[in-house]
Amino acid sequence: VDTGAMYRTLAWHCLQNKVDVQNEKAVAAACRKWKTTLECVDGWVRLVVDGYYPEKEIRTSEVSGAVSHVATVHKVREWMKKTQRDCAKFGNLVMEGRDIGTNVFPETDFKYYLDAQIEERSRRRAAEGVQENLAARDQRDSQRASAPLMVALGAKVINNSTMTAAQTSQMIIDDIRQRLQGSREPGQAEG
């Protein structure tokens, strides 16, 4: 589950409907009124608006500029937390986002905080077609009143500046397997 895409979808929706993204009350009202559903397609959970998933539209620079304003609105964060928790109806999840371990699913046993050098993160975002000032975003997210960016209690911090996505994923999978094996009762078979 790409939770950032959910915030981007709301930012896109606001821009489409001429909602001033710097007006917290207007953004909160748009979030309260929009018609969305969660769908799981090919193992990916998506937030669909009026039957449409704006996959390409949410990756534009215009949406990138708007999403940081939308994401700071307290009522939006409340709505997103509830919606993101609703994703559990699809079964076990891998959820990616800046406040999953601290705010959305703080009770989970498996929390990972991925970090990389700013230059590498910027390069990765550009490869995804997203241009944004990550240093400014990090500062805004760290200082927001509602669910600020921070390392979750009990999270394993992984600096993956020099790692591929596959290497990072394998490190996490290996850690989960090792931790699950360590928690098994003696003599209990692996499932």
N, C-alpha and C. Protein backbone atom coordinates (compact mmCIF):
# COMPACT_ATOMS: atom_id res chain seq x y z
N VAL A 1 0.85 -1.17 0.00
CA VAL A 1 0.00 0.00 0.00
C VAL A 1 0.90 1.24 0.00
N ASP A 2 0.79 2.05 -1.03
CA ASP A 2 1.53 3.30 -1.15
C ASP A 2 0.65 4.41 -0.57
N THR A 3 0.86 4.73 0.70
CA THR A 3 -0.01 5.71 1.34
C THR A 3 0.24 7.12 0.81
N GLY A 4 1.46 7.37 0.33
CA GLY A 4 1.73 8.67 -0.28
C GLY A 4 0.84 8.90 -1.49
N ALA A 5 0.56 7.83 -2.23
CA ALA A 5 -0.33 7.94 -3.39
C ALA A 5 -1.74 8.35 -2.96
N MET A 6 -2.14 7.96 -1.75
CA MET A 6 -3.46 8.35 -1.27
C MET A 6 -3.53 9.85 -1.02
N TYR A 7 -2.48 10.39 -0.40
CA TYR A 7 -2.44 11.84 -0.19
C TYR A 7 -2.35 12.57 -1.52
N ARG A 8 -1.57 12.02 -2.45
CA ARG A 8 -1.45 12.62 -3.78
C ARG A 8 -2.79 12.59 -4.51
N THR A 9 -3.57 11.53 -4.29
CA THR A 9 -4.87 11.43 -4.93
C THR A 9 -5.80 12.54 -4.42
N LEU A 10 -5.75 12.81 -3.13
CA LEU A 10 -6.56 13.90 -2.59
C LEU A 10 -6.07 15.25 -3.13
N ALA A 11 -4.76 15.44 -3.20
CA ALA A 11 -4.22 16.69 -3.76
C ALA A 11 -4.68 16.86 -5.21
N TRP A 12 -4.61 15.79 -5.99
CA TRP A 12 -5.08 15.83 -7.38
C TRP A 12 -6.56 16.18 -7.43
N HIS A 13 -7.34 15.54 -6.57
CA HIS A 13 -8.78 15.79 -6.52
C HIS A 13 -9.06 17.26 -6.20
N CYS A 14 -8.33 17.81 -5.24
CA CYS A 14 -8.50 19.22 -4.89
C CYS A 14 -8.16 20.13 -6.07
N LEU A 15 -7.07 19.84 -6.75
CA LEU A 15 -6.68 20.66 -7.91
C LEU A 15 -7.72 20.55 -9.02
N GLN A 16 -8.23 19.35 -9.25
CA GLN A 16 -9.25 19.14 -10.28
C GLN A 16 -10.52 19.94 -9.99
N ASN A 17 -10.81 20.09 -8.71
CA ASN A 17 -12.05 20.76 -8.30
C ASN A 17 -11.83 22.19 -7.83
N LYS A 18 -10.66 22.74 -8.17
CA LYS A 18 -10.32 24.15 -7.87
C LYS A 18 -10.41 24.48 -6.39
N VAL A 19 -10.03 23.52 -5.55
CA VAL A 19 -9.98 23.74 -4.10
C VAL A 19 -8.63 24.35 -3.78
N ASP A 20 -8.61 25.44 -3.04
CA ASP A 20 -7.36 26.08 -2.63
C ASP A 20 -6.67 25.18 -1.61
N VAL A 21 -5.57 24.55 -2.02
CA VAL A 21 -4.90 23.58 -1.15
C VAL A 21 -4.26 24.23 0.07
N GLN A 22 -4.17 25.54 0.09
CA GLN A 22 -3.62 26.23 1.26
C GLN A 22 -4.72 26.64 2.24
N ASN A 23 -5.96 26.37 1.89
CA ASN A 23 -7.10 26.66 2.76
C ASN A 23 -7.49 25.36 3.47
N GLU A 24 -7.07 25.22 4.73
CA GLU A 24 -7.30 23.97 5.47
C GLU A 24 -8.76 23.57 5.53
N LYS A 25 -9.65 24.52 5.76
CA LYS A 25 -11.08 24.19 5.86
C LYS A 25 -11.62 23.68 4.53
N ALA A 26 -11.18 24.29 3.42
CA ALA A 26 -11.64 23.85 2.10
C ALA A 26 -11.12 22.45 1.79
N VAL A 27 -9.86 22.17 2.13
CA VAL A 27 -9.28 20.84 1.90
C VAL A 27 -10.00 19.81 2.76
N ALA A 28 -10.24 20.13 4.02
CA ALA A 28 -10.94 19.21 4.92
C ALA A 28 -12.35 18.92 4.39
N ALA A 29 -13.02 19.95 3.88
CA ALA A 29 -14.37 19.76 3.33
C ALA A 29 -14.32 18.86 2.09
N ALA A 30 -13.32 19.06 1.23
CA ALA A 30 -13.18 18.23 0.03
C ALA A 30 -12.92 16.78 0.42
N CYS A 31 -12.12 16.57 1.43
CA CYS A 31 -11.81 15.21 1.90
C CYS A 31 -13.05 14.55 2.48
N ARG A 32 -13.84 15.32 3.19
CA ARG A 32 -15.05 14.78 3.81
C ARG A 32 -16.10 14.39 2.75
N LYS A 33 -16.12 15.11 1.62
CA LYS A 33 -17.18 14.94 0.63
C LYS A 33 -16.84 14.03 -0.55
N TRP A 34 -15.55 13.79 -0.82
CA TRP A 34 -15.24 13.04 -2.04
C TRP A 34 -15.69 11.60 -1.95
N LYS A 35 -15.98 11.01 -3.09
CA LYS A 35 -16.50 9.64 -3.16
C LYS A 35 -15.34 8.71 -3.55
N THR A 36 -14.91 7.92 -2.57
CA THR A 36 -13.77 7.02 -2.81
C THR A 36 -14.09 5.60 -2.42
N THR A 37 -13.32 4.69 -2.99
CA THR A 37 -13.36 3.28 -2.59
C THR A 37 -11.93 2.77 -2.58
N LEU A 38 -11.71 1.75 -1.79
CA LEU A 38 -10.42 1.05 -1.79
C LEU A 38 -10.59 -0.18 -2.66
N GLU A 39 -9.63 -0.39 -3.56
CA GLU A 39 -9.64 -1.57 -4.41
C GLU A 39 -8.28 -2.21 -4.36
N CYS A 40 -8.26 -3.54 -4.41
CA CYS A 40 -7.00 -4.28 -4.47
C CYS A 40 -6.90 -4.88 -5.87
N VAL A 41 -5.93 -4.40 -6.65
CA VAL A 41 -5.74 -4.84 -8.03
C VAL A 41 -4.32 -5.38 -8.16
N ASP A 42 -4.21 -6.64 -8.53
CA ASP A 42 -2.90 -7.30 -8.70
C ASP A 42 -2.01 -7.12 -7.47
N GLY A 43 -2.61 -7.21 -6.28
CA GLY A 43 -1.85 -7.12 -5.05
C GLY A 43 -1.55 -5.71 -4.58
N TRP A 44 -2.03 -4.70 -5.30
CA TRP A 44 -1.81 -3.29 -4.92
C TRP A 44 -3.13 -2.67 -4.49
N VAL A 45 -3.13 -2.06 -3.31
CA VAL A 45 -4.33 -1.38 -2.83
C VAL A 45 -4.30 0.04 -3.36
N ARG A 46 -5.41 0.45 -3.95
CA ARG A 46 -5.53 1.78 -4.56
C ARG A 46 -6.74 2.51 -4.01
N LEU A 47 -6.60 3.81 -3.92
CA LEU A 47 -7.72 4.68 -3.55
C LEU A 47 -8.31 5.20 -4.86
N VAL A 48 -9.54 4.80 -5.12
CA VAL A 48 -10.21 5.13 -6.37
C VAL A 48 -11.23 6.24 -6.11
N VAL A 49 -11.23 7.25 -6.98
CA VAL A 49 -12.12 8.40 -6.83
C VAL A 49 -13.17 8.35 -7.93
N ASP A 50 -14.44 8.30 -7.52
CA ASP A 50 -15.54 8.24 -8.49
C ASP A 50 -15.28 7.18 -9.57
N GLY A 51 -14.76 6.02 -9.16
CA GLY A 51 -14.52 4.93 -10.07
C GLY A 51 -13.25 5.05 -10.90
N TYR A 52 -12.40 6.05 -10.63
CA TYR A 52 -11.19 6.30 -11.43
C TYR A 52 -9.96 6.35 -10.54
N TYR A 53 -8.88 5.68 -10.97
CA TYR A 53 -7.61 5.76 -10.27
C TYR A 53 -6.65 6.61 -11.10
N PRO A 54 -6.29 7.80 -10.61
CA PRO A 54 -5.44 8.73 -11.37
C PRO A 54 -3.95 8.39 -11.26
N GLU A 55 -3.57 7.23 -11.74
CA GLU A 55 -2.21 6.71 -11.56
C GLU A 55 -1.13 7.66 -12.06
N LYS A 56 -1.25 8.17 -13.26
CA LYS A 56 -0.23 9.07 -13.82
C LYS A 56 -0.41 10.51 -13.32
N GLU A 57 -1.63 10.92 -13.17
CA GLU A 57 -1.93 12.31 -12.80
C GLU A 57 -1.37 12.69 -11.42
N ILE A 58 -1.29 11.71 -10.51
CA ILE A 58 -0.84 12.03 -9.15
C ILE A 58 0.68 12.19 -9.07
N ARG A 59 1.40 11.93 -10.15
CA ARG A 59 2.86 12.02 -10.16
C ARG A 59 3.37 13.29 -10.83
N THR A 60 2.50 14.26 -11.07
CA THR A 60 2.92 15.50 -11.73
C THR A 60 3.55 16.46 -10.72
N SER A 61 4.31 17.42 -11.22
CA SER A 61 4.92 18.41 -10.33
C SER A 61 3.86 19.28 -9.67
N GLU A 62 2.75 19.52 -10.34
CA GLU A 62 1.66 20.31 -9.75
C GLU A 62 1.11 19.60 -8.50
N VAL A 63 0.89 18.31 -8.60
CA VAL A 63 0.40 17.54 -7.46
C VAL A 63 1.48 17.48 -6.38
N SER A 64 2.74 17.31 -6.77
CA SER A 64 3.84 17.30 -5.79
C SER A 64 3.87 18.59 -4.98
N GLY A 65 3.61 19.72 -5.63
CA GLY A 65 3.59 20.99 -4.93
C GLY A 65 2.40 21.14 -4.01
N ALA A 66 1.31 20.49 -4.34
CA ALA A 66 0.07 20.63 -3.55
C ALA A 66 -0.01 19.64 -2.40
N VAL A 67 0.59 18.47 -2.56
CA VAL A 67 0.39 17.40 -1.58
C VAL A 67 0.92 17.74 -0.20
N SER A 68 1.99 18.50 -0.12
CA SER A 68 2.53 18.82 1.21
C SER A 68 1.57 19.71 2.00
N HIS A 69 0.80 20.52 1.31
CA HIS A 69 -0.21 21.35 2.00
C HIS A 69 -1.39 20.50 2.45
N VAL A 70 -1.84 19.64 1.56
CA VAL A 70 -2.97 18.76 1.85
C VAL A 70 -2.65 17.83 3.02
N ALA A 71 -1.43 17.31 3.05
CA ALA A 71 -1.04 16.32 4.06
C ALA A 71 -0.90 16.89 5.46
N THR A 72 -0.84 18.20 5.60
CA THR A 72 -0.71 18.78 6.94
C THR A 72 -2.06 19.04 7.61
N VAL A 73 -3.14 18.90 6.86
CA VAL A 73 -4.47 19.18 7.40
C VAL A 73 -4.88 18.06 8.36
N HIS A 74 -5.15 18.42 9.60
CA HIS A 74 -5.47 17.44 10.64
C HIS A 74 -6.63 16.52 10.26
N LYS A 75 -7.71 17.07 9.73
CA LYS A 75 -8.89 16.26 9.36
C LYS A 75 -8.55 15.30 8.22
N VAL A 76 -7.65 15.71 7.33
CA VAL A 76 -7.21 14.83 6.26
C VAL A 76 -6.43 13.66 6.85
N ARG A 77 -5.54 13.94 7.79
CA ARG A 77 -4.73 12.88 8.39
C ARG A 77 -5.63 11.90 9.16
N GLU A 78 -6.66 12.40 9.82
CA GLU A 78 -7.61 11.51 10.50
C GLU A 78 -8.31 10.60 9.49
N TRP A 79 -8.79 11.19 8.39
CA TRP A 79 -9.48 10.43 7.36
C TRP A 79 -8.54 9.38 6.76
N MET A 80 -7.31 9.78 6.47
CA MET A 80 -6.33 8.87 5.87
C MET A 80 -5.99 7.73 6.83
N LYS A 81 -5.85 8.03 8.10
CA LYS A 81 -5.54 6.98 9.07
C LYS A 81 -6.64 5.92 9.08
N LYS A 82 -7.88 6.36 9.13
CA LYS A 82 -9.01 5.42 9.11
C LYS A 82 -9.01 4.61 7.82
N THR A 83 -8.83 5.28 6.70
CA THR A 83 -8.85 4.61 5.39
C THR A 83 -7.69 3.64 5.27
N GLN A 84 -6.51 4.05 5.72
CA GLN A 84 -5.35 3.17 5.65
C GLN A 84 -5.52 1.95 6.55
N ARG A 85 -6.11 2.14 7.71
CA ARG A 85 -6.37 1.00 8.58
C ARG A 85 -7.41 0.06 7.93
N ASP A 86 -8.34 0.62 7.15
CA ASP A 86 -9.33 -0.18 6.44
C ASP A 86 -8.69 -1.10 5.39
N CYS A 87 -7.48 -0.79 4.97
CA CYS A 87 -6.78 -1.63 3.98
C CYS A 87 -6.56 -3.05 4.51
N ALA A 88 -6.60 -3.21 5.83
CA ALA A 88 -6.39 -4.53 6.43
C ALA A 88 -7.44 -5.54 5.97
N LYS A 89 -8.56 -5.05 5.46
CA LYS A 89 -9.61 -5.98 4.97
C LYS A 89 -9.11 -6.83 3.80
N PHE A 90 -8.01 -6.42 3.16
CA PHE A 90 -7.45 -7.18 2.05
C PHE A 90 -6.48 -8.26 2.51
N GLY A 91 -6.23 -8.35 3.81
CA GLY A 91 -5.32 -9.36 4.35
C GLY A 91 -4.02 -8.74 4.81
N ASN A 92 -2.96 -9.58 4.88
CA ASN A 92 -1.65 -9.08 5.30
C ASN A 92 -1.17 -8.01 4.34
N LEU A 93 -0.51 -6.99 4.88
CA LEU A 93 -0.11 -5.84 4.09
C LEU A 93 1.37 -5.51 4.25
N VAL A 94 1.92 -4.94 3.21
CA VAL A 94 3.16 -4.20 3.30
C VAL A 94 2.74 -2.77 3.01
N MET A 95 2.86 -1.92 4.02
CA MET A 95 2.38 -0.55 3.89
C MET A 95 3.55 0.40 3.98
N GLU A 96 3.62 1.30 3.02
CA GLU A 96 4.71 2.25 2.92
C GLU A 96 4.16 3.65 3.16
N GLY A 97 4.83 4.38 4.05
CA GLY A 97 4.41 5.75 4.31
C GLY A 97 5.21 6.34 5.46
N ARG A 98 5.06 7.62 5.66
CA ARG A 98 5.88 8.34 6.62
C ARG A 98 5.38 8.24 8.05
N ASP A 99 4.16 7.76 8.27
CA ASP A 99 3.67 7.68 9.65
C ASP A 99 2.99 6.34 9.95
N ILE A 100 3.32 5.31 9.20
CA ILE A 100 2.65 4.02 9.39
C ILE A 100 2.97 3.43 10.76
N GLY A 101 4.25 3.37 11.12
CA GLY A 101 4.64 2.77 12.40
C GLY A 101 4.38 3.63 13.61
N THR A 102 4.21 4.93 13.41
CA THR A 102 3.98 5.84 14.55
C THR A 102 2.51 6.17 14.73
N ASN A 103 1.72 6.15 13.65
CA ASN A 103 0.36 6.65 13.73
C ASN A 103 -0.69 5.67 13.21
N VAL A 104 -0.46 5.07 12.06
CA VAL A 104 -1.50 4.24 11.44
C VAL A 104 -1.56 2.85 12.07
N PHE A 105 -0.42 2.16 12.14
CA PHE A 105 -0.35 0.84 12.75
C PHE A 105 0.78 0.80 13.77
N PRO A 106 0.70 1.59 14.85
CA PRO A 106 1.79 1.59 15.82
C PRO A 106 1.93 0.25 16.55
N GLU A 107 0.89 -0.58 16.53
CA GLU A 107 0.91 -1.85 17.24
C GLU A 107 1.60 -2.97 16.45
N THR A 108 1.97 -2.71 15.21
CA THR A 108 2.58 -3.78 14.41
C THR A 108 3.94 -4.18 14.97
N ASP A 109 4.28 -5.44 14.82
CA ASP A 109 5.56 -5.94 15.30
C ASP A 109 6.69 -5.67 14.31
N PHE A 110 6.35 -5.42 13.06
CA PHE A 110 7.37 -5.29 12.02
C PHE A 110 7.37 -3.88 11.46
N LYS A 111 8.30 -3.07 11.95
CA LYS A 111 8.42 -1.67 11.52
C LYS A 111 9.82 -1.43 11.00
N TYR A 112 9.88 -0.78 9.84
CA TYR A 112 11.17 -0.47 9.23
C TYR A 112 11.16 0.99 8.80
N TYR A 113 12.21 1.67 9.15
CA TYR A 113 12.37 3.07 8.78
C TYR A 113 13.49 3.14 7.75
N LEU A 114 13.11 3.36 6.50
CA LEU A 114 14.10 3.41 5.43
C LEU A 114 14.59 4.84 5.27
N ASP A 115 15.88 4.97 5.15
CA ASP A 115 16.49 6.29 4.97
C ASP A 115 17.56 6.17 3.91
N ALA A 116 17.87 7.26 3.27
CA ALA A 116 18.95 7.31 2.29
C ALA A 116 19.43 8.75 2.21
N GLN A 117 20.61 8.93 1.67
CA GLN A 117 21.15 10.27 1.51
C GLN A 117 20.20 11.07 0.60
N ILE A 118 20.09 12.35 0.88
CA ILE A 118 19.14 13.22 0.17
C ILE A 118 19.36 13.18 -1.34
N GLU A 119 20.61 13.14 -1.78
CA GLU A 119 20.90 13.10 -3.22
C GLU A 119 20.35 11.83 -3.86
N GLU A 120 20.50 10.71 -3.16
CA GLU A 120 20.00 9.44 -3.67
C GLU A 120 18.48 9.43 -3.68
N ARG A 121 17.87 9.94 -2.64
CA ARG A 121 16.40 10.00 -2.59
C ARG A 121 15.87 10.88 -3.71
N SER A 122 16.53 12.00 -3.96
CA SER A 122 16.10 12.90 -5.04
C SER A 122 16.23 12.20 -6.39
N ARG A 123 17.32 11.47 -6.58
CA ARG A 123 17.53 10.75 -7.83
C ARG A 123 16.43 9.71 -8.04
N ARG A 124 16.08 9.00 -6.98
CA ARG A 124 15.03 7.98 -7.06
C ARG A 124 13.68 8.60 -7.39
N ARG A 125 13.37 9.71 -6.76
CA ARG A 125 12.09 10.37 -7.03
C ARG A 125 12.04 10.87 -8.47
N ALA A 126 13.15 11.43 -8.94
CA ALA A 126 13.20 11.91 -10.33
C ALA A 126 12.98 10.75 -11.30
N ALA A 127 13.54 9.58 -10.99
CA ALA A 127 13.36 8.39 -11.84
C ALA A 127 11.89 7.97 -11.87
N GLU A 128 11.14 8.30 -10.81
CA GLU A 128 9.70 8.01 -10.77
C GLU A 128 8.89 9.11 -11.45
N GLY A 129 9.59 10.15 -11.92
CA GLY A 129 8.90 11.27 -12.57
C GLY A 129 8.43 12.33 -11.61
N VAL A 130 8.94 12.31 -10.38
CA VAL A 130 8.51 13.27 -9.37
C VAL A 130 9.67 14.21 -9.05
N GLN A 131 9.42 15.50 -9.22
CA GLN A 131 10.41 16.52 -8.87
C GLN A 131 9.90 17.25 -7.63
N GLU A 132 10.67 17.20 -6.57
CA GLU A 132 10.28 17.93 -5.37
C GLU A 132 11.50 18.20 -4.51
N ASN A 133 11.39 19.20 -3.68
CA ASN A 133 12.47 19.56 -2.76
C ASN A 133 12.31 18.69 -1.52
N LEU A 134 13.06 17.59 -1.47
CA LEU A 134 12.90 16.63 -0.38
C LEU A 134 13.37 17.18 0.96
N ALA A 135 14.39 18.03 0.97
CA ALA A 135 14.86 18.61 2.23
C ALA A 135 13.75 19.46 2.85
N ALA A 136 13.08 20.27 2.03
CA ALA A 136 11.98 21.10 2.52
C ALA A 136 10.81 20.22 2.97
N ARG A 137 10.54 19.16 2.22
CA ARG A 137 9.46 18.24 2.59
C ARG A 137 9.75 17.57 3.92
N ASP A 138 10.99 17.08 4.09
CA ASP A 138 11.37 16.44 5.35
C ASP A 138 11.18 17.40 6.52
N GLN A 139 11.59 18.64 6.33
CA GLN A 139 11.46 19.63 7.41
C GLN A 139 9.99 19.87 7.74
N ARG A 140 9.16 20.06 6.70
CA ARG A 140 7.72 20.28 6.93
C ARG A 140 7.10 19.08 7.65
N ASP A 141 7.42 17.88 7.16
CA ASP A 141 6.82 16.67 7.73
C ASP A 141 7.28 16.45 9.17
N SER A 142 8.50 16.81 9.48
CA SER A 142 9.03 16.64 10.84
C SER A 142 8.41 17.64 11.82
N GLN A 143 7.97 18.77 11.29
CA GLN A 143 7.46 19.83 12.16
C GLN A 143 5.94 19.93 12.19
N ARG A 144 5.24 19.11 11.41
CA ARG A 144 3.78 19.23 11.40
C ARG A 144 3.23 18.79 12.75
N ALA A 145 2.12 19.37 13.12
CA ALA A 145 1.51 19.08 14.42
C ALA A 145 0.89 17.69 14.46
N SER A 146 0.30 17.27 13.36
CA SER A 146 -0.41 16.00 13.31
C SER A 146 0.49 14.92 12.69
N ALA A 147 0.81 13.89 13.47
CA ALA A 147 1.61 12.74 13.03
C ALA A 147 2.92 13.16 12.35
N PRO A 148 3.81 13.83 13.09
CA PRO A 148 5.07 14.27 12.49
C PRO A 148 5.96 13.08 12.10
N LEU A 149 6.83 13.34 11.11
CA LEU A 149 7.78 12.33 10.66
C LEU A 149 8.78 12.05 11.77
N MET A 150 8.86 10.78 12.16
CA MET A 150 9.83 10.35 13.17
C MET A 150 10.01 8.85 13.07
N VAL A 151 11.08 8.36 13.64
CA VAL A 151 11.31 6.91 13.67
C VAL A 151 10.37 6.31 14.71
N ALA A 152 9.64 5.29 14.31
CA ALA A 152 8.68 4.64 15.21
C ALA A 152 9.42 3.86 16.29
N LEU A 153 8.85 3.84 17.47
CA LEU A 153 9.39 3.04 18.57
C LEU A 153 9.47 1.59 18.12
N GLY A 154 10.62 0.99 18.25
CA GLY A 154 10.81 -0.40 17.87
C GLY A 154 11.12 -0.63 16.41
N ALA A 155 11.23 0.44 15.62
CA ALA A 155 11.53 0.28 14.19
C ALA A 155 13.00 -0.02 13.96
N LYS A 156 13.27 -0.82 12.97
CA LYS A 156 14.64 -1.07 12.54
C LYS A 156 14.97 -0.02 11.49
N VAL A 157 16.02 0.75 11.71
CA VAL A 157 16.43 1.79 10.77
C VAL A 157 17.38 1.17 9.75
N ILE A 158 17.06 1.39 8.46
CA ILE A 158 17.88 0.86 7.37
C ILE A 158 18.27 2.03 6.46
N ASN A 159 19.58 2.28 6.37
CA ASN A 159 20.05 3.27 5.41
C ASN A 159 20.33 2.50 4.12
N ASN A 160 19.50 2.73 3.12
CA ASN A 160 19.64 1.98 1.88
C ASN A 160 20.17 2.85 0.73
N SER A 161 21.01 3.81 1.06
CA SER A 161 21.59 4.71 0.06
C SER A 161 22.29 3.97 -1.06
N THR A 162 22.95 2.87 -0.72
CA THR A 162 23.74 2.13 -1.72
C THR A 162 23.11 0.80 -2.07
N MET A 163 21.86 0.62 -1.71
CA MET A 163 21.18 -0.65 -1.96
C MET A 163 20.11 -0.49 -3.04
N THR A 164 19.87 -1.57 -3.76
CA THR A 164 18.76 -1.57 -4.71
C THR A 164 17.47 -1.86 -3.94
N ALA A 165 16.36 -1.68 -4.62
CA ALA A 165 15.07 -2.01 -4.00
C ALA A 165 15.02 -3.49 -3.65
N ALA A 166 15.55 -4.33 -4.53
CA ALA A 166 15.55 -5.78 -4.28
C ALA A 166 16.40 -6.12 -3.06
N GLN A 167 17.55 -5.48 -2.93
CA GLN A 167 18.42 -5.73 -1.77
C GLN A 167 17.74 -5.28 -0.48
N THR A 168 17.10 -4.13 -0.53
CA THR A 168 16.40 -3.61 0.65
C THR A 168 15.27 -4.55 1.04
N SER A 169 14.48 -4.96 0.06
CA SER A 169 13.38 -5.89 0.33
C SER A 169 13.88 -7.19 0.92
N GLN A 170 14.97 -7.72 0.37
CA GLN A 170 15.51 -8.98 0.87
C GLN A 170 15.98 -8.84 2.31
N MET A 171 16.59 -7.70 2.64
CA MET A 171 17.04 -7.47 4.01
C MET A 171 15.86 -7.48 4.98
N ILE A 172 14.76 -6.87 4.57
CA ILE A 172 13.57 -6.83 5.41
C ILE A 172 12.95 -8.23 5.53
N ILE A 173 12.84 -8.93 4.42
CA ILE A 173 12.27 -10.28 4.44
C ILE A 173 13.11 -11.20 5.32
N ASP A 174 14.44 -11.12 5.19
CA ASP A 174 15.32 -11.94 6.02
C ASP A 174 15.14 -11.62 7.50
N ASP A 175 14.99 -10.32 7.82
CA ASP A 175 14.80 -9.92 9.21
C ASP A 175 13.47 -10.47 9.76
N ILE A 176 12.43 -10.38 8.96
CA ILE A 176 11.12 -10.90 9.40
C ILE A 176 11.20 -12.41 9.63
N ARG A 177 11.80 -13.13 8.69
CA ARG A 177 11.92 -14.58 8.83
C ARG A 177 12.71 -14.94 10.09
N GLN A 178 13.81 -14.23 10.32
CA GLN A 178 14.64 -14.51 11.49
C GLN A 178 13.86 -14.23 12.77
N ARG A 179 13.14 -13.14 12.81
CA ARG A 179 12.37 -12.79 14.01
C ARG A 179 11.23 -13.77 14.23
N LEU A 180 10.56 -14.21 13.16
CA LEU A 180 9.48 -15.18 13.30
C LEU A 180 10.02 -16.52 13.77
N GLN A 181 11.17 -16.92 13.26
CA GLN A 181 11.78 -18.18 13.69
C GLN A 181 12.17 -18.12 15.16
N GLY A 182 12.68 -16.98 15.60
CA GLY A 182 13.08 -16.80 16.99
C GLY A 182 11.91 -16.80 17.95
N SER A 183 10.70 -16.49 17.45
CA SER A 183 9.53 -16.42 18.34
C SER A 183 8.76 -17.74 18.38
N ARG A 184 9.18 -18.71 17.56
CA ARG A 184 8.50 -20.00 17.51
C ARG A 184 8.86 -20.85 18.72
N GLU A 185 7.91 -21.59 19.20
CA GLU A 185 8.13 -22.51 20.32
C GLU A 185 9.12 -23.60 19.90
N PRO A 186 9.95 -24.08 20.82
CA PRO A 186 10.85 -25.19 20.47
C PRO A 186 10.04 -26.38 19.98
N GLY A 187 10.50 -26.98 18.88
CA GLY A 187 9.82 -28.13 18.30
C GLY A 187 8.67 -27.78 17.39
N GLN A 188 8.31 -26.50 17.30
CA GLN A 188 7.19 -26.08 16.45
C GLN A 188 7.68 -26.04 14.99
N ALA A 189 6.91 -26.61 14.09
CA ALA A 189 7.28 -26.65 12.67
C ALA A 189 7.07 -25.30 12.02
N GLU A 190 7.88 -25.04 10.99
CA GLU A 190 7.75 -23.79 10.23
C GLU A 190 6.53 -23.90 9.31
N GLY A 191 5.73 -22.82 9.24
CA GLY A 191 4.51 -22.85 8.43
C GLY A 191 4.63 -22.20 7.12
